[in-house]
Amino acid sequence: MTLQVNSISDDSLSITQKESIPRMTGLVPNSVSPVLKTEILINLPLTYEGTVSVEEFIVELLDDNDATFSKELYILSADASAMTLTVKFPGAWSGDYRLRATSATYGRLDNSDLGLTVKS
């Protein structure tokens, strides 16, 4: 690929597109209390090729019914051998949520099948 800006050309870089988006494969537990702080285990795909570390990821809590709500969660640990992240859920209003995990290297992981229910 050749990139040209202001009459200057550069073809030293390349882009490789992955065939599929890595998908989070599980949340444990997938239902939590609105008032209790809870550790949540996020299962990453066993085929994930990136670095699994606390510094590599950002995990956010998203409200299914309010697109403006986003809260970054604290990542307690990352286990590369088990392909898991452990985050601290601080509590939230009752409702349906999603966790969005974003890798600094690969971008967002697919979370379309994994919901988090917050209820008493």
N, C-alpha and C. Protein backbone atom coordinates (compact mmCIF):
# COMPACT_ATOMS: atom_id res chain seq x y z
N MET A 1 0.85 -1.16 0.00
CA MET A 1 0.00 0.00 0.00
C MET A 1 0.90 1.23 0.00
N THR A 2 0.53 2.18 -0.80
CA THR A 2 1.27 3.44 -0.87
C THR A 2 0.40 4.54 -0.31
N LEU A 3 0.97 5.29 0.62
CA LEU A 3 0.28 6.43 1.23
C LEU A 3 0.92 7.69 0.68
N GLN A 4 0.08 8.63 0.20
CA GLN A 4 0.60 9.87 -0.34
C GLN A 4 -0.06 11.05 0.36
N VAL A 5 0.77 11.91 0.96
CA VAL A 5 0.29 13.12 1.63
C VAL A 5 1.16 14.28 1.17
N ASN A 6 0.51 15.33 0.65
CA ASN A 6 1.24 16.52 0.19
C ASN A 6 2.42 16.16 -0.71
N SER A 7 2.17 15.36 -1.70
CA SER A 7 3.15 14.96 -2.71
C SER A 7 4.29 14.10 -2.18
N ILE A 8 4.18 13.61 -0.94
CA ILE A 8 5.19 12.71 -0.38
C ILE A 8 4.58 11.32 -0.31
N SER A 9 5.27 10.35 -0.90
CA SER A 9 4.79 8.97 -0.94
C SER A 9 5.59 8.10 0.01
N ASP A 10 4.91 7.12 0.62
CA ASP A 10 5.57 6.16 1.50
C ASP A 10 4.88 4.82 1.33
N ASP A 11 5.65 3.79 1.01
CA ASP A 11 5.07 2.45 0.87
C ASP A 11 5.76 1.46 1.80
N SER A 12 6.32 1.96 2.91
CA SER A 12 7.07 1.10 3.82
C SER A 12 6.19 0.39 4.85
N LEU A 13 4.93 0.78 4.95
CA LEU A 13 4.04 0.17 5.93
C LEU A 13 3.04 -0.75 5.25
N SER A 14 2.54 -1.71 6.02
CA SER A 14 1.51 -2.58 5.49
C SER A 14 0.43 -2.77 6.55
N ILE A 15 -0.74 -3.17 6.11
CA ILE A 15 -1.87 -3.43 7.00
C ILE A 15 -2.30 -4.86 6.80
N THR A 16 -2.50 -5.58 7.90
CA THR A 16 -3.01 -6.94 7.84
C THR A 16 -4.34 -6.98 8.56
N GLN A 17 -5.37 -7.43 7.87
CA GLN A 17 -6.69 -7.52 8.47
C GLN A 17 -6.94 -8.94 8.96
N LYS A 18 -7.36 -9.05 10.21
CA LYS A 18 -7.69 -10.35 10.78
C LYS A 18 -8.99 -10.86 10.13
N GLU A 19 -9.12 -12.18 10.04
CA GLU A 19 -10.30 -12.76 9.42
C GLU A 19 -11.53 -12.64 10.29
N SER A 20 -11.34 -12.59 11.61
CA SER A 20 -12.48 -12.46 12.50
C SER A 20 -12.10 -11.64 13.73
N ILE A 21 -13.09 -11.09 14.39
CA ILE A 21 -12.87 -10.31 15.60
C ILE A 21 -12.82 -11.28 16.77
N PRO A 22 -11.80 -11.17 17.63
CA PRO A 22 -11.78 -12.04 18.82
C PRO A 22 -13.05 -11.83 19.65
N ARG A 23 -13.61 -12.89 20.16
CA ARG A 23 -14.88 -12.85 20.88
C ARG A 23 -14.68 -13.27 22.33
N MET A 24 -15.17 -12.44 23.27
CA MET A 24 -15.18 -12.87 24.66
C MET A 24 -16.09 -14.08 24.75
N THR A 25 -15.67 -15.11 25.48
CA THR A 25 -16.44 -16.35 25.48
C THR A 25 -17.25 -16.60 26.75
N GLY A 26 -17.10 -15.74 27.77
CA GLY A 26 -17.89 -15.95 28.98
C GLY A 26 -17.66 -14.89 30.03
N LEU A 27 -18.68 -14.69 30.86
CA LEU A 27 -18.61 -13.84 32.05
C LEU A 27 -19.06 -14.68 33.23
N VAL A 28 -18.28 -14.67 34.30
CA VAL A 28 -18.63 -15.43 35.50
C VAL A 28 -18.46 -14.53 36.71
N PRO A 29 -19.52 -14.21 37.42
CA PRO A 29 -20.91 -14.54 37.15
C PRO A 29 -21.48 -13.61 36.08
N ASN A 30 -22.63 -13.98 35.51
CA ASN A 30 -23.26 -13.11 34.52
C ASN A 30 -24.46 -12.36 35.10
N SER A 31 -24.67 -12.49 36.42
CA SER A 31 -25.71 -11.76 37.14
C SER A 31 -25.13 -11.34 38.49
N VAL A 32 -25.25 -10.04 38.81
CA VAL A 32 -24.65 -9.50 40.03
C VAL A 32 -25.63 -8.60 40.76
N SER A 33 -25.35 -8.36 42.05
CA SER A 33 -26.15 -7.46 42.87
C SER A 33 -25.82 -6.01 42.52
N PRO A 34 -26.82 -5.14 42.55
CA PRO A 34 -26.55 -3.73 42.25
C PRO A 34 -25.73 -3.02 43.33
N VAL A 35 -25.71 -3.56 44.55
CA VAL A 35 -25.06 -2.86 45.66
C VAL A 35 -23.76 -3.51 46.15
N LEU A 36 -23.46 -4.70 45.69
CA LEU A 36 -22.25 -5.39 46.16
C LEU A 36 -21.12 -5.28 45.14
N LYS A 37 -19.94 -5.00 45.62
CA LYS A 37 -18.77 -5.04 44.75
C LYS A 37 -18.46 -6.51 44.47
N THR A 38 -18.27 -6.83 43.20
CA THR A 38 -18.14 -8.22 42.79
C THR A 38 -17.00 -8.37 41.79
N GLU A 39 -16.23 -9.43 41.91
CA GLU A 39 -15.22 -9.75 40.91
C GLU A 39 -15.89 -10.52 39.77
N ILE A 40 -15.61 -10.11 38.55
CA ILE A 40 -16.16 -10.77 37.37
C ILE A 40 -15.00 -11.31 36.54
N LEU A 41 -15.10 -12.58 36.17
CA LEU A 41 -14.10 -13.23 35.35
C LEU A 41 -14.54 -13.16 33.89
N ILE A 42 -13.70 -12.61 33.04
CA ILE A 42 -13.97 -12.53 31.60
C ILE A 42 -13.10 -13.58 30.91
N ASN A 43 -13.74 -14.48 30.18
CA ASN A 43 -13.02 -15.51 29.44
C ASN A 43 -12.72 -15.00 28.03
N LEU A 44 -11.46 -15.04 27.66
CA LEU A 44 -11.03 -14.67 26.32
C LEU A 44 -10.95 -15.93 25.47
N PRO A 45 -11.01 -15.78 24.14
CA PRO A 45 -10.90 -16.98 23.31
C PRO A 45 -9.52 -17.61 23.45
N LEU A 46 -9.47 -18.92 23.46
CA LEU A 46 -8.19 -19.63 23.58
C LEU A 46 -7.27 -19.35 22.39
N THR A 47 -7.86 -18.88 21.30
CA THR A 47 -7.08 -18.56 20.09
C THR A 47 -6.60 -17.11 20.06
N TYR A 48 -6.87 -16.34 21.11
CA TYR A 48 -6.45 -14.94 21.15
C TYR A 48 -4.93 -14.87 21.05
N GLU A 49 -4.41 -14.09 20.11
CA GLU A 49 -2.98 -14.06 19.82
C GLU A 49 -2.25 -12.91 20.50
N GLY A 50 -2.98 -11.97 21.08
CA GLY A 50 -2.34 -10.81 21.67
C GLY A 50 -1.82 -11.07 23.07
N THR A 51 -1.21 -10.06 23.63
CA THR A 51 -0.71 -10.11 25.00
C THR A 51 -1.89 -10.04 25.96
N VAL A 52 -1.89 -10.90 26.96
CA VAL A 52 -2.93 -10.87 27.99
C VAL A 52 -2.27 -10.31 29.24
N SER A 53 -2.52 -9.01 29.48
CA SER A 53 -1.96 -8.34 30.66
C SER A 53 -2.90 -7.22 31.07
N VAL A 54 -2.77 -6.78 32.29
CA VAL A 54 -3.60 -5.70 32.81
C VAL A 54 -3.38 -4.43 31.97
N GLU A 55 -2.14 -4.19 31.57
CA GLU A 55 -1.82 -2.98 30.81
C GLU A 55 -2.35 -3.01 29.37
N GLU A 56 -2.61 -4.18 28.85
CA GLU A 56 -3.04 -4.34 27.45
C GLU A 56 -4.52 -4.01 27.25
N PHE A 57 -5.34 -4.13 28.30
CA PHE A 57 -6.79 -4.02 28.15
C PHE A 57 -7.39 -2.84 28.90
N ILE A 58 -8.51 -2.39 28.38
CA ILE A 58 -9.43 -1.49 29.07
C ILE A 58 -10.78 -2.21 29.05
N VAL A 59 -11.46 -2.27 30.19
CA VAL A 59 -12.78 -2.90 30.25
C VAL A 59 -13.78 -1.85 30.73
N GLU A 60 -14.88 -1.72 30.00
CA GLU A 60 -15.91 -0.74 30.33
C GLU A 60 -17.25 -1.44 30.54
N LEU A 61 -18.05 -0.87 31.43
CA LEU A 61 -19.42 -1.30 31.66
C LEU A 61 -20.32 -0.43 30.82
N LEU A 62 -21.15 -1.04 29.97
CA LEU A 62 -22.07 -0.31 29.09
C LEU A 62 -23.50 -0.69 29.41
N ASP A 63 -24.39 0.28 29.46
CA ASP A 63 -25.81 0.05 29.73
C ASP A 63 -26.52 -0.25 28.41
N ASP A 64 -27.22 -1.39 28.33
CA ASP A 64 -27.93 -1.76 27.11
C ASP A 64 -29.03 -0.77 26.75
N ASN A 65 -29.56 -0.04 27.74
CA ASN A 65 -30.68 0.87 27.50
C ASN A 65 -30.30 2.34 27.48
N ASP A 66 -29.02 2.66 27.67
CA ASP A 66 -28.57 4.04 27.69
C ASP A 66 -27.20 4.11 27.02
N ALA A 67 -27.19 4.47 25.75
CA ALA A 67 -25.95 4.48 24.97
C ALA A 67 -24.94 5.51 25.47
N THR A 68 -25.37 6.45 26.31
CA THR A 68 -24.45 7.47 26.81
C THR A 68 -23.71 7.00 28.06
N PHE A 69 -24.14 5.87 28.66
CA PHE A 69 -23.52 5.39 29.90
C PHE A 69 -22.33 4.49 29.59
N SER A 70 -21.20 4.83 30.17
CA SER A 70 -19.99 4.02 30.06
C SER A 70 -19.16 4.26 31.31
N LYS A 71 -18.73 3.17 31.95
CA LYS A 71 -17.91 3.28 33.16
C LYS A 71 -16.75 2.32 33.05
N GLU A 72 -15.52 2.86 33.16
CA GLU A 72 -14.34 2.00 33.09
C GLU A 72 -14.22 1.21 34.39
N LEU A 73 -13.97 -0.09 34.25
CA LEU A 73 -13.83 -0.98 35.39
C LEU A 73 -12.35 -1.23 35.68
N TYR A 74 -12.05 -1.46 36.95
CA TYR A 74 -10.69 -1.76 37.37
C TYR A 74 -10.36 -3.21 37.05
N ILE A 75 -9.26 -3.43 36.36
CA ILE A 75 -8.82 -4.79 36.05
C ILE A 75 -7.91 -5.25 37.18
N LEU A 76 -8.35 -6.26 37.89
CA LEU A 76 -7.59 -6.79 39.02
C LEU A 76 -6.42 -7.65 38.57
N SER A 77 -6.68 -8.50 37.56
CA SER A 77 -5.62 -9.41 37.11
C SER A 77 -5.90 -9.88 35.70
N ALA A 78 -4.84 -10.39 35.08
CA ALA A 78 -4.92 -11.00 33.75
C ALA A 78 -4.11 -12.29 33.81
N ASP A 79 -4.69 -13.38 33.32
CA ASP A 79 -4.02 -14.69 33.35
C ASP A 79 -3.87 -15.19 31.91
N ALA A 80 -2.65 -15.11 31.39
CA ALA A 80 -2.40 -15.51 30.01
C ALA A 80 -2.56 -17.00 29.79
N SER A 81 -2.25 -17.82 30.80
CA SER A 81 -2.37 -19.27 30.61
C SER A 81 -3.84 -19.71 30.60
N ALA A 82 -4.68 -19.08 31.41
CA ALA A 82 -6.11 -19.41 31.44
C ALA A 82 -6.92 -18.55 30.47
N MET A 83 -6.29 -17.54 29.87
CA MET A 83 -6.93 -16.59 28.95
C MET A 83 -8.12 -15.91 29.63
N THR A 84 -7.87 -15.29 30.77
CA THR A 84 -8.93 -14.60 31.51
C THR A 84 -8.46 -13.24 32.01
N LEU A 85 -9.45 -12.37 32.19
CA LEU A 85 -9.28 -11.09 32.88
C LEU A 85 -10.22 -11.10 34.07
N THR A 86 -9.80 -10.56 35.19
CA THR A 86 -10.68 -10.41 36.35
C THR A 86 -10.84 -8.93 36.61
N VAL A 87 -12.11 -8.47 36.63
CA VAL A 87 -12.40 -7.05 36.85
C VAL A 87 -13.24 -6.89 38.11
N LYS A 88 -13.22 -5.69 38.67
CA LYS A 88 -14.02 -5.37 39.86
C LYS A 88 -15.26 -4.61 39.41
N PHE A 89 -16.43 -5.19 39.66
CA PHE A 89 -17.70 -4.54 39.40
C PHE A 89 -18.05 -3.73 40.65
N PRO A 90 -18.22 -2.39 40.52
CA PRO A 90 -18.41 -1.55 41.70
C PRO A 90 -19.86 -1.38 42.13
N GLY A 91 -20.80 -1.96 41.38
CA GLY A 91 -22.22 -1.73 41.64
C GLY A 91 -22.79 -0.83 40.56
N ALA A 92 -24.08 -0.91 40.35
CA ALA A 92 -24.75 -0.08 39.33
C ALA A 92 -26.26 -0.20 39.53
N TRP A 93 -27.00 0.66 38.85
CA TRP A 93 -28.46 0.57 38.88
C TRP A 93 -28.88 -0.78 38.29
N SER A 94 -30.00 -1.30 38.73
CA SER A 94 -30.53 -2.55 38.17
C SER A 94 -30.77 -2.38 36.68
N GLY A 95 -30.46 -3.42 35.93
CA GLY A 95 -30.67 -3.36 34.49
C GLY A 95 -29.79 -4.34 33.76
N ASP A 96 -29.76 -4.19 32.45
CA ASP A 96 -28.98 -5.06 31.58
C ASP A 96 -27.78 -4.29 31.04
N TYR A 97 -26.62 -4.92 31.12
CA TYR A 97 -25.36 -4.28 30.75
C TYR A 97 -24.53 -5.20 29.88
N ARG A 98 -23.46 -4.66 29.34
CA ARG A 98 -22.44 -5.40 28.61
C ARG A 98 -21.09 -4.93 29.11
N LEU A 99 -20.11 -5.81 29.04
CA LEU A 99 -18.74 -5.41 29.31
C LEU A 99 -18.03 -5.31 27.96
N ARG A 100 -17.36 -4.20 27.74
CA ARG A 100 -16.60 -4.01 26.50
C ARG A 100 -15.12 -4.06 26.84
N ALA A 101 -14.44 -5.06 26.32
CA ALA A 101 -12.99 -5.20 26.51
C ALA A 101 -12.30 -4.72 25.24
N THR A 102 -11.34 -3.83 25.44
CA THR A 102 -10.59 -3.28 24.31
C THR A 102 -9.11 -3.55 24.53
N SER A 103 -8.51 -4.18 23.54
CA SER A 103 -7.08 -4.49 23.57
C SER A 103 -6.33 -3.35 22.90
N ALA A 104 -5.22 -2.93 23.47
CA ALA A 104 -4.40 -1.88 22.87
C ALA A 104 -3.87 -2.31 21.50
N THR A 105 -3.67 -3.61 21.31
CA THR A 105 -3.13 -4.13 20.06
C THR A 105 -4.21 -4.44 19.03
N TYR A 106 -5.30 -5.11 19.45
CA TYR A 106 -6.30 -5.61 18.51
C TYR A 106 -7.61 -4.85 18.50
N GLY A 107 -7.80 -3.91 19.41
CA GLY A 107 -9.05 -3.17 19.45
C GLY A 107 -10.11 -3.91 20.26
N ARG A 108 -11.37 -3.61 19.97
CA ARG A 108 -12.48 -4.18 20.75
C ARG A 108 -12.69 -5.65 20.47
N LEU A 109 -13.00 -6.38 21.54
CA LEU A 109 -13.37 -7.78 21.40
C LEU A 109 -14.89 -7.85 21.25
N ASP A 110 -15.37 -8.82 20.51
CA ASP A 110 -16.81 -8.99 20.30
C ASP A 110 -17.46 -9.42 21.61
N ASN A 111 -18.49 -8.68 22.02
CA ASN A 111 -19.22 -9.01 23.25
C ASN A 111 -20.70 -9.21 22.99
N SER A 112 -21.08 -9.45 21.74
CA SER A 112 -22.48 -9.44 21.34
C SER A 112 -23.34 -10.50 22.04
N ASP A 113 -22.73 -11.60 22.45
CA ASP A 113 -23.52 -12.67 23.07
C ASP A 113 -23.49 -12.65 24.59
N LEU A 114 -22.73 -11.74 25.19
CA LEU A 114 -22.53 -11.79 26.64
C LEU A 114 -23.13 -10.59 27.35
N GLY A 115 -24.21 -10.83 28.04
CA GLY A 115 -24.84 -9.77 28.82
C GLY A 115 -24.54 -9.94 30.30
N LEU A 116 -24.64 -8.84 31.04
CA LEU A 116 -24.48 -8.84 32.48
C LEU A 116 -25.77 -8.28 33.06
N THR A 117 -26.43 -9.06 33.90
CA THR A 117 -27.67 -8.63 34.53
C THR A 117 -27.36 -8.13 35.94
N VAL A 118 -27.86 -6.93 36.24
CA VAL A 118 -27.71 -6.37 37.57
C VAL A 118 -29.09 -6.32 38.20
N LYS A 119 -29.28 -7.10 39.26
CA LYS A 119 -30.60 -7.15 39.91
C LYS A 119 -30.46 -7.60 41.35
N SER A 120 -31.46 -7.26 42.14
CA SER A 120 -31.48 -7.64 43.56
C SER A 120 -31.85 -9.09 43.72
